[in-house]
Amino acid sequence: MRKISKWKKFRRVFRRKLLKPLLYASGASLLLYLAISNAIIQKRIAEPQTPQFVISRITEQFDETEFMHLLLTIQELRNLPEEGRELIKFVNQPFPSPCPRLLEHRLNQMNWAPQAFLIRVKKMFKMYDIYDRITRLDETVAFLSDEIKNDRLPYEMETQIQVLRQERENIFTTEITPEEYAFMQKYGGIVIRLRQQ
């Protein structure tokens, strides 16, 4: 009888002093292991994948594919609240300018080196200004032609129309190509929204 009670006492002590702490420790270590492994997996997923290529050339040359990629990048960044604010601020600074870290990270994900991105946006602003000048010349020529046709202006104003048409032709030969003009005709609205007044 005495031996049985000692055995029961031993089991009770073993369970209380050794087994319960061992189970608690193994349970806590399992939870800790799961939490740490989950954090490592999430970090790997969140880490930026190095892009296949990064556009890093600093050039003002117009390449329609690059500029379409530029517009898509701008549209995507504009939809993000923080990056959208940083984008407006960044592109309206003179070249070269430091790029905010979050925006730089996003641009890198979209295969852009920040300064290459900035120089192309500046080129797009310049293209829009030239496009706007041509549009104003066209409107002025149309208005003057209409006024002369309806006898509200003297016919001698036709020489002024010729001067304006010549100026338009000079702009096309020296400042903008027909491809750049067509590009601005389609996507000029994006440039206006991107530019700070």
N, C-alpha and C. Protein backbone atom coordinates (compact mmCIF):
# COMPACT_ATOMS: atom_id res chain seq x y z
N MET A 1 0.81 -1.19 0.00
CA MET A 1 0.00 0.00 0.00
C MET A 1 0.85 1.25 0.00
N ARG A 2 1.92 1.17 0.78
CA ARG A 2 2.83 2.32 0.88
C ARG A 2 3.54 2.55 -0.45
N LYS A 3 3.89 1.47 -1.18
CA LYS A 3 4.58 1.59 -2.46
C LYS A 3 3.69 2.26 -3.49
N ILE A 4 2.41 1.97 -3.52
CA ILE A 4 1.47 2.54 -4.48
C ILE A 4 1.34 4.05 -4.25
N SER A 5 1.23 4.44 -3.02
CA SER A 5 1.10 5.86 -2.75
C SER A 5 2.38 6.60 -3.15
N LYS A 6 3.54 5.98 -2.96
CA LYS A 6 4.78 6.62 -3.40
C LYS A 6 4.80 6.76 -4.92
N TRP A 7 4.32 5.73 -5.59
CA TRP A 7 4.27 5.79 -7.06
C TRP A 7 3.34 6.91 -7.54
N LYS A 8 2.17 7.02 -6.89
CA LYS A 8 1.24 8.08 -7.24
C LYS A 8 1.84 9.45 -6.98
N LYS A 9 2.51 9.55 -5.83
CA LYS A 9 3.15 10.81 -5.49
C LYS A 9 4.23 11.16 -6.52
N PHE A 10 5.00 10.14 -6.94
CA PHE A 10 6.04 10.37 -7.94
C PHE A 10 5.43 10.84 -9.27
N ARG A 11 4.33 10.20 -9.68
CA ARG A 11 3.67 10.62 -10.93
C ARG A 11 3.13 12.04 -10.84
N ARG A 12 2.54 12.36 -9.67
CA ARG A 12 2.01 13.70 -9.48
C ARG A 12 3.13 14.74 -9.52
N VAL A 13 4.21 14.48 -8.84
CA VAL A 13 5.35 15.40 -8.82
C VAL A 13 5.97 15.49 -10.21
N PHE A 14 6.09 14.34 -10.89
CA PHE A 14 6.67 14.33 -12.25
C PHE A 14 5.81 15.17 -13.19
N ARG A 15 4.50 15.00 -13.09
CA ARG A 15 3.59 15.74 -13.95
C ARG A 15 3.66 17.24 -13.64
N ARG A 16 3.68 17.59 -12.36
CA ARG A 16 3.66 18.99 -11.98
C ARG A 16 5.01 19.68 -12.20
N LYS A 17 6.09 19.04 -11.82
CA LYS A 17 7.41 19.69 -11.86
C LYS A 17 8.13 19.52 -13.18
N LEU A 18 7.83 18.49 -13.95
CA LEU A 18 8.61 18.23 -15.15
C LEU A 18 7.76 18.25 -16.42
N LEU A 19 6.66 17.53 -16.42
CA LEU A 19 5.88 17.37 -17.64
C LEU A 19 5.17 18.67 -18.06
N LYS A 20 4.47 19.32 -17.10
CA LYS A 20 3.77 20.57 -17.45
C LYS A 20 4.74 21.64 -17.94
N PRO A 21 5.83 21.93 -17.24
CA PRO A 21 6.77 22.93 -17.76
C PRO A 21 7.34 22.55 -19.12
N LEU A 22 7.58 21.26 -19.31
CA LEU A 22 8.12 20.80 -20.59
C LEU A 22 7.10 21.04 -21.72
N LEU A 23 5.83 20.74 -21.46
CA LEU A 23 4.78 20.98 -22.45
C LEU A 23 4.61 22.48 -22.72
N TYR A 24 4.61 23.29 -21.65
CA TYR A 24 4.49 24.74 -21.83
C TYR A 24 5.67 25.29 -22.63
N ALA A 25 6.85 24.83 -22.31
CA ALA A 25 8.05 25.32 -23.02
C ALA A 25 8.03 24.91 -24.48
N SER A 26 7.64 23.66 -24.76
CA SER A 26 7.60 23.22 -26.16
C SER A 26 6.49 23.94 -26.92
N GLY A 27 5.35 24.19 -26.26
CA GLY A 27 4.27 24.94 -26.91
C GLY A 27 4.68 26.39 -27.20
N ALA A 28 5.34 27.01 -26.23
CA ALA A 28 5.80 28.39 -26.42
C ALA A 28 6.87 28.46 -27.52
N SER A 29 7.77 27.47 -27.55
CA SER A 29 8.82 27.49 -28.59
C SER A 29 8.21 27.23 -29.97
N LEU A 30 7.16 26.40 -30.04
CA LEU A 30 6.49 26.17 -31.31
C LEU A 30 5.82 27.46 -31.79
N LEU A 31 5.13 28.18 -30.90
CA LEU A 31 4.50 29.45 -31.26
C LEU A 31 5.56 30.47 -31.70
N LEU A 32 6.66 30.52 -30.97
CA LEU A 32 7.74 31.43 -31.32
C LEU A 32 8.33 31.08 -32.68
N TYR A 33 8.51 29.79 -32.92
CA TYR A 33 9.03 29.33 -34.22
C TYR A 33 8.09 29.72 -35.36
N LEU A 34 6.78 29.52 -35.17
CA LEU A 34 5.80 29.88 -36.20
C LEU A 34 5.79 31.38 -36.46
N ALA A 35 5.87 32.17 -35.40
CA ALA A 35 5.86 33.62 -35.57
C ALA A 35 7.10 34.10 -36.32
N ILE A 36 8.26 33.58 -35.95
CA ILE A 36 9.51 34.01 -36.60
C ILE A 36 9.55 33.55 -38.06
N SER A 37 9.16 32.30 -38.31
CA SER A 37 9.19 31.81 -39.70
C SER A 37 8.20 32.58 -40.57
N ASN A 38 7.03 32.92 -40.01
CA ASN A 38 6.05 33.70 -40.76
C ASN A 38 6.61 35.09 -41.08
N ALA A 39 7.29 35.70 -40.11
CA ALA A 39 7.89 37.02 -40.34
C ALA A 39 8.96 36.95 -41.43
N ILE A 40 9.76 35.90 -41.43
CA ILE A 40 10.81 35.74 -42.45
C ILE A 40 10.19 35.53 -43.83
N ILE A 41 9.15 34.72 -43.91
CA ILE A 41 8.48 34.48 -45.19
C ILE A 41 7.86 35.77 -45.71
N GLN A 42 7.19 36.52 -44.82
CA GLN A 42 6.58 37.78 -45.24
C GLN A 42 7.63 38.78 -45.71
N LYS A 43 8.78 38.80 -45.03
CA LYS A 43 9.84 39.71 -45.43
C LYS A 43 10.36 39.35 -46.81
N ARG A 44 10.51 38.05 -47.07
CA ARG A 44 10.98 37.62 -48.40
C ARG A 44 9.99 38.00 -49.48
N ILE A 45 8.69 37.86 -49.18
CA ILE A 45 7.66 38.22 -50.17
C ILE A 45 7.67 39.72 -50.41
N ALA A 46 7.81 40.50 -49.32
CA ALA A 46 7.75 41.95 -49.43
C ALA A 46 9.02 42.56 -50.03
N GLU A 47 10.14 41.86 -49.94
CA GLU A 47 11.39 42.41 -50.48
C GLU A 47 11.27 42.58 -51.98
N PRO A 48 11.78 43.69 -52.49
CA PRO A 48 11.66 43.92 -53.94
C PRO A 48 12.50 42.93 -54.73
N GLN A 49 11.87 42.41 -55.75
CA GLN A 49 12.61 41.55 -56.66
C GLN A 49 13.43 42.45 -57.56
N THR A 50 14.68 42.10 -57.77
CA THR A 50 15.49 42.93 -58.64
C THR A 50 14.94 42.85 -60.05
N PRO A 51 14.69 44.01 -60.68
CA PRO A 51 14.09 44.00 -62.02
C PRO A 51 15.05 43.44 -63.06
N GLN A 52 14.47 42.95 -64.16
CA GLN A 52 15.28 42.40 -65.25
C GLN A 52 16.15 43.47 -65.88
N PHE A 53 15.60 44.67 -66.01
CA PHE A 53 16.36 45.79 -66.57
C PHE A 53 15.88 47.07 -65.92
N VAL A 54 16.73 48.05 -65.89
CA VAL A 54 16.37 49.36 -65.36
C VAL A 54 16.76 50.39 -66.40
N ILE A 55 15.80 51.24 -66.74
CA ILE A 55 16.10 52.31 -67.70
C ILE A 55 16.88 53.38 -66.94
N SER A 56 18.16 53.47 -67.22
CA SER A 56 19.00 54.41 -66.49
C SER A 56 19.68 55.41 -67.41
N ARG A 57 19.47 55.29 -68.73
CA ARG A 57 20.10 56.24 -69.67
C ARG A 57 19.48 57.62 -69.48
N ILE A 58 20.33 58.61 -69.39
CA ILE A 58 19.86 60.00 -69.31
C ILE A 58 19.83 60.54 -70.74
N THR A 59 18.67 60.53 -71.35
CA THR A 59 18.54 61.00 -72.72
C THR A 59 17.21 61.72 -72.90
N GLU A 60 17.21 62.69 -73.80
CA GLU A 60 15.96 63.40 -74.12
C GLU A 60 15.37 62.89 -75.43
N GLN A 61 15.98 61.88 -76.01
CA GLN A 61 15.51 61.37 -77.28
C GLN A 61 14.13 60.73 -77.10
N PHE A 62 13.25 60.96 -78.07
CA PHE A 62 11.89 60.44 -77.98
C PHE A 62 11.84 59.01 -78.51
N ASP A 63 11.42 58.11 -77.64
CA ASP A 63 11.18 56.72 -78.03
C ASP A 63 9.77 56.40 -77.55
N GLU A 64 8.86 56.16 -78.48
CA GLU A 64 7.44 56.03 -78.12
C GLU A 64 7.20 54.91 -77.11
N THR A 65 7.92 53.80 -77.23
CA THR A 65 7.73 52.69 -76.29
C THR A 65 8.12 53.11 -74.88
N GLU A 66 9.26 53.78 -74.75
CA GLU A 66 9.71 54.26 -73.43
C GLU A 66 8.72 55.26 -72.86
N PHE A 67 8.22 56.16 -73.70
CA PHE A 67 7.30 57.18 -73.20
C PHE A 67 5.94 56.59 -72.85
N MET A 68 5.52 55.53 -73.54
CA MET A 68 4.29 54.84 -73.14
C MET A 68 4.48 54.17 -71.78
N HIS A 69 5.65 53.55 -71.59
CA HIS A 69 5.98 52.95 -70.30
C HIS A 69 6.02 54.03 -69.22
N LEU A 70 6.53 55.20 -69.57
CA LEU A 70 6.56 56.34 -68.65
C LEU A 70 5.15 56.74 -68.23
N LEU A 71 4.24 56.84 -69.21
CA LEU A 71 2.86 57.22 -68.90
C LEU A 71 2.17 56.17 -68.02
N LEU A 72 2.41 54.90 -68.32
CA LEU A 72 1.80 53.83 -67.50
C LEU A 72 2.33 53.88 -66.07
N THR A 73 3.62 54.15 -65.93
CA THR A 73 4.22 54.28 -64.60
C THR A 73 3.60 55.45 -63.85
N ILE A 74 3.45 56.57 -64.54
CA ILE A 74 2.85 57.77 -63.93
C ILE A 74 1.43 57.47 -63.47
N GLN A 75 0.64 56.82 -64.34
CA GLN A 75 -0.76 56.52 -64.00
C GLN A 75 -0.82 55.60 -62.77
N GLU A 76 0.06 54.60 -62.73
CA GLU A 76 0.05 53.67 -61.60
C GLU A 76 0.45 54.37 -60.31
N LEU A 77 1.47 55.22 -60.39
CA LEU A 77 1.93 55.93 -59.18
C LEU A 77 0.90 56.95 -58.71
N ARG A 78 0.18 57.56 -59.64
CA ARG A 78 -0.82 58.56 -59.27
C ARG A 78 -1.97 57.94 -58.47
N ASN A 79 -2.20 56.64 -58.66
CA ASN A 79 -3.28 55.94 -57.94
C ASN A 79 -2.90 55.59 -56.51
N LEU A 80 -1.61 55.71 -56.17
CA LEU A 80 -1.15 55.43 -54.81
C LEU A 80 -1.07 56.75 -54.05
N PRO A 81 -1.66 56.84 -52.84
CA PRO A 81 -1.75 58.14 -52.18
C PRO A 81 -0.39 58.79 -51.87
N GLU A 82 0.48 58.08 -51.17
CA GLU A 82 1.76 58.66 -50.77
C GLU A 82 2.68 58.87 -51.96
N GLU A 83 2.79 57.85 -52.80
CA GLU A 83 3.67 57.94 -53.97
C GLU A 83 3.18 59.00 -54.95
N GLY A 84 1.85 59.16 -55.06
CA GLY A 84 1.28 60.18 -55.95
C GLY A 84 1.71 61.58 -55.54
N ARG A 85 1.69 61.86 -54.22
CA ARG A 85 2.14 63.17 -53.74
C ARG A 85 3.63 63.36 -54.00
N GLU A 86 4.40 62.32 -53.70
CA GLU A 86 5.86 62.41 -53.92
C GLU A 86 6.18 62.58 -55.40
N LEU A 87 5.41 61.93 -56.27
CA LEU A 87 5.64 62.01 -57.71
C LEU A 87 5.46 63.44 -58.20
N ILE A 88 4.35 64.09 -57.81
CA ILE A 88 4.09 65.47 -58.25
C ILE A 88 5.23 66.38 -57.80
N LYS A 89 5.64 66.21 -56.54
CA LYS A 89 6.71 67.05 -55.99
C LYS A 89 8.03 66.80 -56.73
N PHE A 90 8.33 65.53 -56.98
CA PHE A 90 9.61 65.15 -57.59
C PHE A 90 9.73 65.65 -59.03
N VAL A 91 8.70 65.45 -59.84
CA VAL A 91 8.81 65.80 -61.26
C VAL A 91 8.77 67.30 -61.51
N ASN A 92 8.32 68.07 -60.53
CA ASN A 92 8.28 69.52 -60.71
C ASN A 92 9.51 70.21 -60.14
N GLN A 93 10.50 69.42 -59.73
CA GLN A 93 11.78 69.96 -59.29
C GLN A 93 12.75 69.98 -60.47
N PRO A 94 13.78 70.83 -60.39
CA PRO A 94 14.76 70.84 -61.49
C PRO A 94 15.59 69.56 -61.51
N PHE A 95 16.14 69.25 -62.68
CA PHE A 95 17.00 68.07 -62.82
C PHE A 95 18.43 68.47 -62.52
N PRO A 96 19.23 67.71 -61.81
CA PRO A 96 18.88 66.52 -61.01
C PRO A 96 18.35 66.92 -59.64
N SER A 97 17.46 66.12 -59.11
CA SER A 97 16.90 66.35 -57.78
C SER A 97 16.87 65.03 -57.03
N PRO A 98 17.01 65.09 -55.70
CA PRO A 98 16.93 63.84 -54.94
C PRO A 98 15.51 63.28 -54.98
N CYS A 99 15.44 61.97 -55.11
CA CYS A 99 14.14 61.29 -55.18
C CYS A 99 13.77 60.76 -53.80
N PRO A 100 12.52 60.96 -53.34
CA PRO A 100 12.10 60.38 -52.06
C PRO A 100 12.27 58.86 -52.08
N ARG A 101 12.58 58.28 -50.93
CA ARG A 101 12.94 56.85 -50.86
C ARG A 101 11.81 55.93 -51.30
N LEU A 102 10.59 56.23 -50.87
CA LEU A 102 9.46 55.37 -51.23
C LEU A 102 9.21 55.41 -52.73
N LEU A 103 9.27 56.62 -53.30
CA LEU A 103 9.08 56.77 -54.74
C LEU A 103 10.22 56.08 -55.50
N GLU A 104 11.43 56.22 -55.00
CA GLU A 104 12.58 55.57 -55.65
C GLU A 104 12.41 54.06 -55.67
N HIS A 105 11.91 53.51 -54.55
CA HIS A 105 11.65 52.07 -54.47
C HIS A 105 10.61 51.64 -55.51
N ARG A 106 9.52 52.42 -55.61
CA ARG A 106 8.46 52.09 -56.59
C ARG A 106 8.98 52.21 -58.03
N LEU A 107 9.74 53.27 -58.30
CA LEU A 107 10.28 53.45 -59.65
C LEU A 107 11.21 52.30 -60.01
N ASN A 108 12.01 51.87 -59.04
CA ASN A 108 12.92 50.74 -59.27
C ASN A 108 12.13 49.48 -59.59
N GLN A 109 11.00 49.28 -58.90
CA GLN A 109 10.15 48.13 -59.18
C GLN A 109 9.58 48.19 -60.59
N MET A 110 9.39 49.42 -61.10
CA MET A 110 8.82 49.60 -62.44
C MET A 110 9.90 49.84 -63.49
N ASN A 111 11.12 49.45 -63.15
CA ASN A 111 12.27 49.47 -64.09
C ASN A 111 12.74 50.87 -64.47
N TRP A 112 12.64 51.82 -63.55
CA TRP A 112 13.11 53.17 -63.82
C TRP A 112 14.17 53.58 -62.81
N ALA A 113 15.28 54.11 -63.29
CA ALA A 113 16.20 54.84 -62.42
C ALA A 113 15.58 56.23 -62.24
N PRO A 114 15.53 56.76 -61.02
CA PRO A 114 14.81 58.01 -60.78
C PRO A 114 15.24 59.18 -61.68
N GLN A 115 16.53 59.37 -61.90
CA GLN A 115 16.97 60.52 -62.70
C GLN A 115 16.62 60.33 -64.18
N ALA A 116 16.67 59.09 -64.67
CA ALA A 116 16.26 58.81 -66.06
C ALA A 116 14.76 59.08 -66.21
N PHE A 117 13.99 58.71 -65.20
CA PHE A 117 12.55 58.97 -65.19
C PHE A 117 12.30 60.48 -65.23
N LEU A 118 13.02 61.21 -64.36
CA LEU A 118 12.82 62.66 -64.26
C LEU A 118 13.17 63.37 -65.57
N ILE A 119 14.26 62.97 -66.22
CA ILE A 119 14.66 63.66 -67.45
C ILE A 119 13.64 63.43 -68.55
N ARG A 120 13.00 62.26 -68.57
CA ARG A 120 11.98 62.00 -69.59
C ARG A 120 10.69 62.77 -69.30
N VAL A 121 10.37 62.92 -68.02
CA VAL A 121 9.19 63.74 -67.69
C VAL A 121 9.44 65.19 -68.08
N LYS A 122 10.67 65.68 -67.86
CA LYS A 122 11.02 67.05 -68.27
C LYS A 122 10.91 67.19 -69.79
N LYS A 123 11.34 66.17 -70.52
CA LYS A 123 11.22 66.16 -71.98
C LYS A 123 9.74 66.22 -72.37
N MET A 124 8.91 65.49 -71.64
CA MET A 124 7.48 65.48 -71.93
C MET A 124 6.86 66.86 -71.66
N PHE A 125 7.30 67.52 -70.60
CA PHE A 125 6.82 68.88 -70.32
C PHE A 125 7.20 69.82 -71.47
N LYS A 126 8.44 69.68 -71.95
CA LYS A 126 8.90 70.53 -73.04
C LYS A 126 8.10 70.26 -74.32
N MET A 127 7.85 68.98 -74.59
CA MET A 127 7.05 68.60 -75.75
C MET A 127 5.64 69.21 -75.65
N TYR A 128 5.08 69.19 -74.43
CA TYR A 128 3.74 69.75 -74.27
C TYR A 128 3.73 71.25 -74.52
N ASP A 129 4.76 71.95 -74.03
CA ASP A 129 4.82 73.41 -74.26
C ASP A 129 4.87 73.72 -75.76
N ILE A 130 5.65 72.95 -76.52
CA ILE A 130 5.74 73.17 -77.96
C ILE A 130 4.41 72.82 -78.63
N TYR A 131 3.81 71.72 -78.20
CA TYR A 131 2.49 71.32 -78.73
C TYR A 131 1.45 72.41 -78.46
N ASP A 132 1.50 72.98 -77.26
CA ASP A 132 0.56 74.05 -76.89
C ASP A 132 0.77 75.28 -77.78
N ARG A 133 2.02 75.62 -78.06
CA ARG A 133 2.30 76.75 -78.96
C ARG A 133 1.72 76.50 -80.35
N ILE A 134 1.89 75.29 -80.86
CA ILE A 134 1.36 74.95 -82.20
C ILE A 134 -0.16 75.04 -82.19
N THR A 135 -0.78 74.53 -81.14
CA THR A 135 -2.24 74.59 -81.03
C THR A 135 -2.74 76.03 -81.03
N ARG A 136 -2.04 76.89 -80.30
CA ARG A 136 -2.43 78.31 -80.26
C ARG A 136 -2.25 78.97 -81.63
N LEU A 137 -1.17 78.62 -82.33
CA LEU A 137 -0.96 79.15 -83.68
C LEU A 137 -2.10 78.70 -84.61
N ASP A 138 -2.46 77.41 -84.52
CA ASP A 138 -3.55 76.89 -85.36
C ASP A 138 -4.87 77.62 -85.08
N GLU A 139 -5.14 77.84 -83.78
CA GLU A 139 -6.38 78.55 -83.42
C GLU A 139 -6.36 79.99 -83.93
N THR A 140 -5.21 80.63 -83.83
CA THR A 140 -5.09 82.02 -84.31
C THR A 140 -5.28 82.10 -85.81
N VAL A 141 -4.63 81.16 -86.54
CA VAL A 141 -4.77 81.13 -88.00
C VAL A 141 -6.22 80.89 -88.39
N ALA A 142 -6.88 79.96 -87.71
CA ALA A 142 -8.30 79.67 -88.01
C ALA A 142 -9.17 80.88 -87.73
N PHE A 143 -8.90 81.57 -86.62
CA PHE A 143 -9.70 82.75 -86.27
C PHE A 143 -9.50 83.87 -87.30
N LEU A 144 -8.24 84.16 -87.65
CA LEU A 144 -7.96 85.23 -88.62
C LEU A 144 -8.56 84.89 -89.99
N SER A 145 -8.42 83.63 -90.42
CA SER A 145 -8.98 83.22 -91.71
C SER A 145 -10.49 83.42 -91.73
N ASP A 146 -11.13 83.06 -90.64
CA ASP A 146 -12.59 83.21 -90.54
C ASP A 146 -12.99 84.69 -90.57
N GLU A 147 -12.22 85.52 -89.87
CA GLU A 147 -12.53 86.95 -89.84
C GLU A 147 -12.34 87.59 -91.23
N ILE A 148 -11.29 87.20 -91.95
CA ILE A 148 -11.06 87.73 -93.30
C ILE A 148 -12.17 87.25 -94.24
N LYS A 149 -12.53 86.00 -94.11
CA LYS A 149 -13.56 85.40 -94.97
C LYS A 149 -14.91 86.11 -94.78
N ASN A 150 -15.20 86.54 -93.56
CA ASN A 150 -16.46 87.22 -93.26
C ASN A 150 -16.34 88.75 -93.35
N ASP A 151 -15.27 89.22 -93.96
CA ASP A 151 -15.03 90.66 -94.19
C ASP A 151 -15.00 91.51 -92.92
N ARG A 152 -14.58 90.90 -91.82
CA ARG A 152 -14.44 91.68 -90.59
C ARG A 152 -13.01 92.20 -90.44
N LEU A 153 -12.09 91.61 -91.20
CA LEU A 153 -10.70 92.08 -91.22
C LEU A 153 -10.30 92.31 -92.67
N PRO A 154 -9.39 93.25 -92.90
CA PRO A 154 -8.96 93.50 -94.28
C PRO A 154 -8.18 92.32 -94.85
N TYR A 155 -8.21 92.20 -96.15
CA TYR A 155 -7.53 91.09 -96.83
C TYR A 155 -6.02 91.14 -96.62
N GLU A 156 -5.47 92.30 -96.33
CA GLU A 156 -4.03 92.45 -96.11
C GLU A 156 -3.54 91.61 -94.91
N MET A 157 -4.44 91.25 -94.04
CA MET A 157 -4.08 90.40 -92.89
C MET A 157 -3.66 88.99 -93.31
N GLU A 158 -3.92 88.68 -94.58
CA GLU A 158 -3.50 87.37 -95.11
C GLU A 158 -1.98 87.19 -94.97
N THR A 159 -1.23 88.27 -95.09
CA THR A 159 0.23 88.17 -94.92
C THR A 159 0.57 87.75 -93.49
N GLN A 160 -0.19 88.23 -92.52
CA GLN A 160 0.04 87.83 -91.12
C GLN A 160 -0.24 86.33 -90.95
N ILE A 161 -1.25 85.85 -91.63
CA ILE A 161 -1.57 84.41 -91.57
C ILE A 161 -0.41 83.61 -92.16
N GLN A 162 0.16 84.07 -93.25
CA GLN A 162 1.30 83.38 -93.87
C GLN A 162 2.50 83.33 -92.91
N VAL A 163 2.73 84.43 -92.20
CA VAL A 163 3.83 84.47 -91.21
C VAL A 163 3.59 83.43 -90.11
N LEU A 164 2.36 83.36 -89.63
CA LEU A 164 2.03 82.39 -88.57
C LEU A 164 2.18 80.95 -89.07
N ARG A 165 1.76 80.70 -90.31
CA ARG A 165 1.91 79.35 -90.88
C ARG A 165 3.38 78.99 -91.04
N GLN A 166 4.19 79.97 -91.43
CA GLN A 166 5.62 79.74 -91.58
C GLN A 166 6.27 79.44 -90.22
N GLU A 167 5.82 80.17 -89.21
CA GLU A 167 6.33 79.91 -87.85
C GLU A 167 5.98 78.49 -87.40
N ARG A 168 4.76 78.06 -87.71
CA ARG A 168 4.34 76.69 -87.38
C ARG A 168 5.23 75.66 -88.07
N GLU A 169 5.51 75.88 -89.34
CA GLU A 169 6.39 74.96 -90.09
C GLU A 169 7.79 74.94 -89.50
N ASN A 170 8.29 76.12 -89.08
CA ASN A 170 9.62 76.18 -88.47
C ASN A 170 9.69 75.39 -87.16
N ILE A 171 8.61 75.45 -86.39
CA ILE A 171 8.56 74.68 -85.14
C ILE A 171 8.64 73.19 -85.46
N PHE A 172 7.93 72.74 -86.49
CA PHE A 172 7.95 71.32 -86.86
C PHE A 172 9.31 70.87 -87.38
N THR A 173 10.04 71.77 -88.00
CA THR A 173 11.35 71.36 -88.54
C THR A 173 12.46 71.45 -87.50
N THR A 174 12.30 72.31 -86.48
CA THR A 174 13.41 72.50 -85.54
C THR A 174 13.13 72.04 -84.11
N GLU A 175 11.87 72.01 -83.67
CA GLU A 175 11.61 71.80 -82.25
C GLU A 175 10.85 70.52 -81.90
N ILE A 176 10.01 70.05 -82.80
CA ILE A 176 9.19 68.87 -82.48
C ILE A 176 9.02 68.02 -83.73
N THR A 177 8.95 66.71 -83.52
CA THR A 177 8.72 65.81 -84.66
C THR A 177 7.22 65.52 -84.75
N PRO A 178 6.76 65.06 -85.92
CA PRO A 178 5.33 64.69 -86.02
C PRO A 178 4.92 63.60 -85.04
N GLU A 179 5.84 62.67 -84.71
CA GLU A 179 5.52 61.61 -83.74
C GLU A 179 5.30 62.19 -82.35
N GLU A 180 6.17 63.13 -81.96
CA GLU A 180 6.02 63.77 -80.65
C GLU A 180 4.72 64.57 -80.59
N TYR A 181 4.41 65.25 -81.67
CA TYR A 181 3.17 66.04 -81.74
C TYR A 181 1.95 65.12 -81.59
N ALA A 182 1.95 64.01 -82.33
CA ALA A 182 0.83 63.06 -82.25
C ALA A 182 0.71 62.48 -80.85
N PHE A 183 1.86 62.19 -80.22
CA PHE A 183 1.87 61.65 -78.86
C PHE A 183 1.24 62.64 -77.89
N MET A 184 1.61 63.91 -78.02
CA MET A 184 1.06 64.95 -77.14
C MET A 184 -0.43 65.19 -77.41
N GLN A 185 -0.83 65.03 -78.67
CA GLN A 185 -2.24 65.18 -79.01
C GLN A 185 -3.08 64.14 -78.25
N LYS A 186 -2.54 62.92 -78.14
CA LYS A 186 -3.27 61.85 -77.46
C LYS A 186 -3.19 61.96 -75.94
N TYR A 187 -2.00 62.26 -75.42
CA TYR A 187 -1.76 62.11 -73.97
C TYR A 187 -1.41 63.41 -73.25
N GLY A 188 -1.66 64.55 -73.87
CA GLY A 188 -1.33 65.83 -73.25
C GLY A 188 -2.04 66.08 -71.94
N GLY A 189 -3.22 65.52 -71.77
CA GLY A 189 -3.99 65.72 -70.53
C GLY A 189 -3.27 65.19 -69.32
N ILE A 190 -2.55 64.09 -69.47
CA ILE A 190 -1.80 63.50 -68.35
C ILE A 190 -0.70 64.47 -67.93
N VAL A 191 -0.06 65.10 -68.90
CA VAL A 191 1.02 66.05 -68.61
C VAL A 191 0.48 67.24 -67.82
N ILE A 192 -0.69 67.74 -68.21
CA ILE A 192 -1.28 68.90 -67.51
C ILE A 192 -1.57 68.54 -66.05
N ARG A 193 -2.10 67.33 -65.82
CA ARG A 193 -2.42 66.92 -64.44
C ARG A 193 -1.17 66.69 -63.62
N LEU A 194 -0.06 66.32 -64.27
CA LEU A 194 1.18 66.03 -63.57
C LEU A 194 1.92 67.30 -63.19
N ARG A 195 1.71 68.34 -63.94
CA ARG A 195 2.49 69.57 -63.77
C ARG A 195 1.85 70.46 -62.71
N GLN A 196 2.67 71.01 -61.81
CA GLN A 196 2.18 71.96 -60.83
C GLN A 196 2.15 73.34 -61.46
N GLN A 197 1.11 74.05 -61.18
CA GLN A 197 1.01 75.41 -61.73
C GLN A 197 1.62 76.40 -60.77
